[in-house]
Amino acid sequence: MNDPARGSTKPERLRRRADYVAAAKGRRLTTPVFTLQGVERRADGTEQSGPRFGLTVSRKVGTATERNRVKRRLREVLRRMAGDPEGSPGRSRFDYVVVARRDVLSAPFDRLAVALADAVRSLHEPRRDRRRPPPHPPAATD
């Protein structure tokens, strides 16, 4: 039953609405198949120090059957990331929420796994300044 190719370690889950709301107020990264939200957890005295993940699959994604399939696919990606010998790309004391889009259903599983791992890593990179660079000062004329 316990297939070594599948990660047997379950990642920690977000369970309370307040955790989802807090993650929604944090950093956000959008990909074609999902949006990843993440925020650093406040110290609350518990021993949970590893990353925690939550899934959100709205009715826009499809019927109940399709939404369940999306959740199963994403849970499996997270399970494999947690069981990876190199470790999960998630940081300790961080909460992440994956907001799924319909394209999760048609995305190849391997590409979905790579996209999620890259998104988690990218969420922690310094933000690029998206504003236009300041205009050059006028040339001094002598």
C-alpha atoms as a PDB file:
ATOM      1  CA  MET A   1       0.000   0.000   0.000  1.00  0.00           C
ATOM      2  CA  ASN A   2       2.735   2.465   0.870  1.00  0.00           C
ATOM      3  CA  ASP A   3       4.342   3.195  -2.483  1.00  0.00           C
ATOM      4  CA  PRO A   4       7.873   4.635  -2.053  1.00  0.00           C
ATOM      5  CA  ALA A   5       7.461   6.633  -5.280  1.00  0.00           C
ATOM      6  CA  ARG A   6       4.651   8.554  -3.609  1.00  0.00           C
ATOM      7  CA  GLY A   7       5.571  10.781  -0.720  1.00  0.00           C
ATOM      8  CA  SER A   8       4.096   9.235   2.405  1.00  0.00           C
ATOM      9  CA  THR A   9       4.477  12.393   4.469  1.00  0.00           C
ATOM     10  CA  LYS A  10       1.413  14.578   4.664  1.00  0.00           C
ATOM     11  CA  PRO A  11       2.090  18.299   4.786  1.00  0.00           C
ATOM     12  CA  GLU A  12       0.614  20.319   7.628  1.00  0.00           C
ATOM     13  CA  ARG A  13      -2.775  21.787   6.718  1.00  0.00           C
ATOM     14  CA  LEU A  14      -4.460  25.091   7.356  1.00  0.00           C
ATOM     15  CA  ARG A  15      -7.628  24.412   9.325  1.00  0.00           C
ATOM     16  CA  ARG A  16      -9.043  27.706  10.530  1.00  0.00           C
ATOM     17  CA  ARG A  17     -10.664  30.441   8.450  1.00  0.00           C
ATOM     18  CA  ALA A  18      -8.465  33.036  10.162  1.00  0.00           C
ATOM     19  CA  ASP A  19      -5.376  31.326   8.708  1.00  0.00           C
ATOM     20  CA  TYR A  20      -6.820  31.537   5.190  1.00  0.00           C
ATOM     21  CA  VAL A  21      -7.726  35.207   5.673  1.00  0.00           C
ATOM     22  CA  ALA A  22      -4.230  35.982   6.975  1.00  0.00           C
ATOM     23  CA  ALA A  23      -2.636  34.288   3.943  1.00  0.00           C
ATOM     24  CA  ALA A  24      -4.893  36.289   1.620  1.00  0.00           C
ATOM     25  CA  LYS A  25      -3.445  39.481   3.109  1.00  0.00           C
ATOM     26  CA  GLY A  26       0.125  38.317   2.470  1.00  0.00           C
ATOM     27  CA  ARG A  27       2.157  38.002  -0.700  1.00  0.00           C
ATOM     28  CA  ARG A  28       0.569  36.619  -3.837  1.00  0.00           C
ATOM     29  CA  LEU A  29       1.917  34.974  -6.965  1.00  0.00           C
ATOM     30  CA  THR A  30      -0.294  34.157  -9.954  1.00  0.00           C
ATOM     31  CA  THR A  31       0.338  31.375 -12.467  1.00  0.00           C
ATOM     32  CA  PRO A  32      -1.870  30.098 -15.302  1.00  0.00           C
ATOM     33  CA  VAL A  33      -3.157  27.198 -13.162  1.00  0.00           C
ATOM     34  CA  PHE A  34      -3.382  28.665  -9.656  1.00  0.00           C
ATOM     35  CA  THR A  35      -2.704  31.630  -7.409  1.00  0.00           C
ATOM     36  CA  LEU A  36      -0.410  31.090  -4.451  1.00  0.00           C
ATOM     37  CA  GLN A  37      -0.853  33.220  -1.344  1.00  0.00           C
ATOM     38  CA  GLY A  38       1.608  33.145   1.517  1.00  0.00           C
ATOM     39  CA  VAL A  39       2.277  34.819   4.822  1.00  0.00           C
ATOM     40  CA  GLU A  40       4.629  34.282   7.732  1.00  0.00           C
ATOM     41  CA  ARG A  41       2.885  32.861  10.776  1.00  0.00           C
ATOM     42  CA  ARG A  42       2.866  34.784  14.006  1.00  0.00           C
ATOM     43  CA  ALA A  43       4.291  33.028  17.043  1.00  0.00           C
ATOM     44  CA  ASP A  44       1.325  31.508  18.852  1.00  0.00           C
ATOM     45  CA  GLY A  45       3.113  29.239  21.290  1.00  0.00           C
ATOM     46  CA  THR A  46       2.505  26.001  19.363  1.00  0.00           C
ATOM     47  CA  GLU A  47       5.281  23.721  18.228  1.00  0.00           C
ATOM     48  CA  GLN A  48       4.216  23.736  14.566  1.00  0.00           C
ATOM     49  CA  SER A  49       7.157  25.259  12.798  1.00  0.00           C
ATOM     50  CA  GLY A  50       6.964  23.696   9.343  1.00  0.00           C
ATOM     51  CA  PRO A  51       5.108  25.163   6.386  1.00  0.00           C
ATOM     52  CA  ARG A  52       1.322  24.716   6.303  1.00  0.00           C
ATOM     53  CA  PHE A  53      -0.763  24.536   3.138  1.00  0.00           C
ATOM     54  CA  GLY A  54      -4.418  25.149   2.397  1.00  0.00           C
ATOM     55  CA  LEU A  55      -6.460  24.665  -0.766  1.00  0.00           C
ATOM     56  CA  THR A  56      -9.274  26.789  -2.124  1.00  0.00           C
ATOM     57  CA  VAL A  57     -11.318  25.529  -5.051  1.00  0.00           C
ATOM     58  CA  SER A  58     -14.328  27.702  -5.814  1.00  0.00           C
ATOM     59  CA  ARG A  59     -17.469  26.745  -7.697  1.00  0.00           C
ATOM     60  CA  LYS A  60     -16.140  28.661 -10.700  1.00  0.00           C
ATOM     61  CA  VAL A  61     -13.752  25.755 -11.265  1.00  0.00           C
ATOM     62  CA  GLY A  62     -16.554  23.365 -12.155  1.00  0.00           C
ATOM     63  CA  THR A  63     -18.929  20.761 -10.835  1.00  0.00           C
ATOM     64  CA  ALA A  64     -18.427  19.056  -7.484  1.00  0.00           C
ATOM     65  CA  THR A  65     -16.749  16.106  -9.195  1.00  0.00           C
ATOM     66  CA  GLU A  66     -14.297  18.380 -10.988  1.00  0.00           C
ATOM     67  CA  ARG A  67     -13.566  20.384  -7.851  1.00  0.00           C
ATOM     68  CA  ASN A  68     -12.847  17.179  -5.940  1.00  0.00           C
ATOM     69  CA  ARG A  69     -10.507  16.007  -8.695  1.00  0.00           C
ATOM     70  CA  VAL A  70      -8.671  19.345  -8.552  1.00  0.00           C
ATOM     71  CA  LYS A  71      -8.280  19.011  -4.773  1.00  0.00           C
ATOM     72  CA  ARG A  72      -7.033  15.417  -5.071  1.00  0.00           C
ATOM     73  CA  ARG A  73      -4.437  16.434  -7.667  1.00  0.00           C
ATOM     74  CA  LEU A  74      -3.188  19.366  -5.591  1.00  0.00           C
ATOM     75  CA  ARG A  75      -3.098  17.318  -2.371  1.00  0.00           C
ATOM     76  CA  GLU A  76      -0.996  14.703  -4.145  1.00  0.00           C
ATOM     77  CA  VAL A  77       1.433  17.358  -5.401  1.00  0.00           C
ATOM     78  CA  LEU A  78       1.747  18.714  -1.852  1.00  0.00           C
ATOM     79  CA  ARG A  79       2.194  15.206  -0.442  1.00  0.00           C
ATOM     80  CA  ARG A  80       5.019  14.500  -2.881  1.00  0.00           C
ATOM     81  CA  MET A  81       6.656  17.840  -2.111  1.00  0.00           C
ATOM     82  CA  ALA A  82       6.535  17.054   1.629  1.00  0.00           C
ATOM     83  CA  GLY A  83       8.023  13.590   1.078  1.00  0.00           C
ATOM     84  CA  ASP A  84      10.770  14.839  -1.235  1.00  0.00           C
ATOM     85  CA  PRO A  85      14.222  13.943   0.141  1.00  0.00           C
ATOM     86  CA  GLU A  86      15.445  17.419  -0.810  1.00  0.00           C
ATOM     87  CA  GLY A  87      12.660  18.875   1.296  1.00  0.00           C
ATOM     88  CA  SER A  88       9.675  21.023   0.609  1.00  0.00           C
ATOM     89  CA  PRO A  89      10.389  24.402  -0.952  1.00  0.00           C
ATOM     90  CA  GLY A  90       8.058  25.909   1.670  1.00  0.00           C
ATOM     91  CA  ARG A  91       9.677  27.829   4.493  1.00  0.00           C
ATOM     92  CA  SER A  92       9.225  27.073   8.132  1.00  0.00           C
ATOM     93  CA  ARG A  93       6.624  29.158   9.943  1.00  0.00           C
ATOM     94  CA  PHE A  94       4.880  30.108   6.674  1.00  0.00           C
ATOM     95  CA  ASP A  95       1.283  29.485   5.640  1.00  0.00           C
ATOM     96  CA  TYR A  96       0.414  29.013   1.981  1.00  0.00           C
ATOM     97  CA  VAL A  97      -2.964  28.898   0.244  1.00  0.00           C
ATOM     98  CA  VAL A  98      -3.304  27.499  -3.271  1.00  0.00           C
ATOM     99  CA  VAL A  99      -6.309  29.022  -5.057  1.00  0.00           C
ATOM    100  CA  ALA A 100      -6.971  26.637  -7.917  1.00  0.00           C
ATOM    101  CA  ARG A 101      -8.129  27.470 -11.414  1.00  0.00           C
ATOM    102  CA  ARG A 102      -9.876  25.186 -13.852  1.00  0.00           C
ATOM    103  CA  ASP A 103      -6.646  24.580 -15.793  1.00  0.00           C
ATOM    104  CA  VAL A 104      -5.418  22.347 -12.942  1.00  0.00           C
ATOM    105  CA  LEU A 105      -7.652  19.622 -14.429  1.00  0.00           C
ATOM    106  CA  SER A 106      -5.906  19.617 -17.802  1.00  0.00           C
ATOM    107  CA  ALA A 107      -2.342  20.426 -16.717  1.00  0.00           C
ATOM    108  CA  PRO A 108       0.101  17.512 -16.847  1.00  0.00           C
ATOM    109  CA  PHE A 109       0.826  16.350 -13.312  1.00  0.00           C
ATOM    110  CA  ASP A 110       4.599  16.786 -13.561  1.00  0.00           C
ATOM    111  CA  ARG A 111       4.208  20.333 -14.851  1.00  0.00           C
ATOM    112  CA  LEU A 112       1.765  21.081 -12.048  1.00  0.00           C
ATOM    113  CA  ALA A 113       4.265  19.851  -9.463  1.00  0.00           C
ATOM    114  CA  VAL A 114       7.081  21.948 -10.941  1.00  0.00           C
ATOM    115  CA  ALA A 115       4.830  25.020 -11.170  1.00  0.00           C
ATOM    116  CA  LEU A 116       3.844  24.753  -7.508  1.00  0.00           C
ATOM    117  CA  ALA A 117       7.410  24.234  -6.293  1.00  0.00           C
ATOM    118  CA  ASP A 118       8.615  27.182  -8.409  1.00  0.00           C
ATOM    119  CA  ALA A 119       5.758  29.367  -7.182  1.00  0.00           C
ATOM    120  CA  VAL A 120       6.592  28.643  -3.535  1.00  0.00           C
ATOM    121  CA  ARG A 121      10.240  29.539  -4.149  1.00  0.00           C
ATOM    122  CA  SER A 122       9.334  32.662  -6.147  1.00  0.00           C
ATOM    123  CA  LEU A 123       6.991  33.887  -3.439  1.00  0.00           C
ATOM    124  CA  HIS A 124      10.029  34.474  -1.214  1.00  0.00           C
ATOM    125  CA  GLU A 125      12.160  36.292  -3.767  1.00  0.00           C
ATOM    126  CA  PRO A 126      12.448  40.056  -3.351  1.00  0.00           C
ATOM    127  CA  ARG A 127       9.774  41.954  -5.198  1.00  0.00           C
ATOM    128  CA  ARG A 128      10.730  43.609  -8.417  1.00  0.00           C
ATOM    129  CA  ASP A 129       9.797  47.243  -8.741  1.00  0.00           C
ATOM    130  CA  ARG A 130       7.048  47.208 -11.344  1.00  0.00           C
ATOM    131  CA  ARG A 131       6.907  50.957 -11.653  1.00  0.00           C
ATOM    132  CA  ARG A 132       8.539  52.581 -14.591  1.00  0.00           C
ATOM    133  CA  PRO A 133      12.077  53.780 -13.981  1.00  0.00           C
ATOM    134  CA  PRO A 134      12.321  57.476 -13.154  1.00  0.00           C
ATOM    135  CA  PRO A 135      12.780  59.696 -16.184  1.00  0.00           C
ATOM    136  CA  HIS A 136      16.292  60.822 -16.951  1.00  0.00           C
ATOM    137  CA  PRO A 137      17.075  64.318 -15.743  1.00  0.00           C
ATOM    138  CA  PRO A 138      17.282  66.856 -18.536  1.00  0.00           C
ATOM    139  CA  ALA A 139      20.707  67.153 -20.046  1.00  0.00           C
ATOM    140  CA  ALA A 140      22.651  70.125 -18.744  1.00  0.00           C
ATOM    141  CA  THR A 141      23.380  72.665 -21.420  1.00  0.00           C
ATOM    142  CA  ASP A 142      26.446  74.857 -21.098  1.00  0.00           C
END
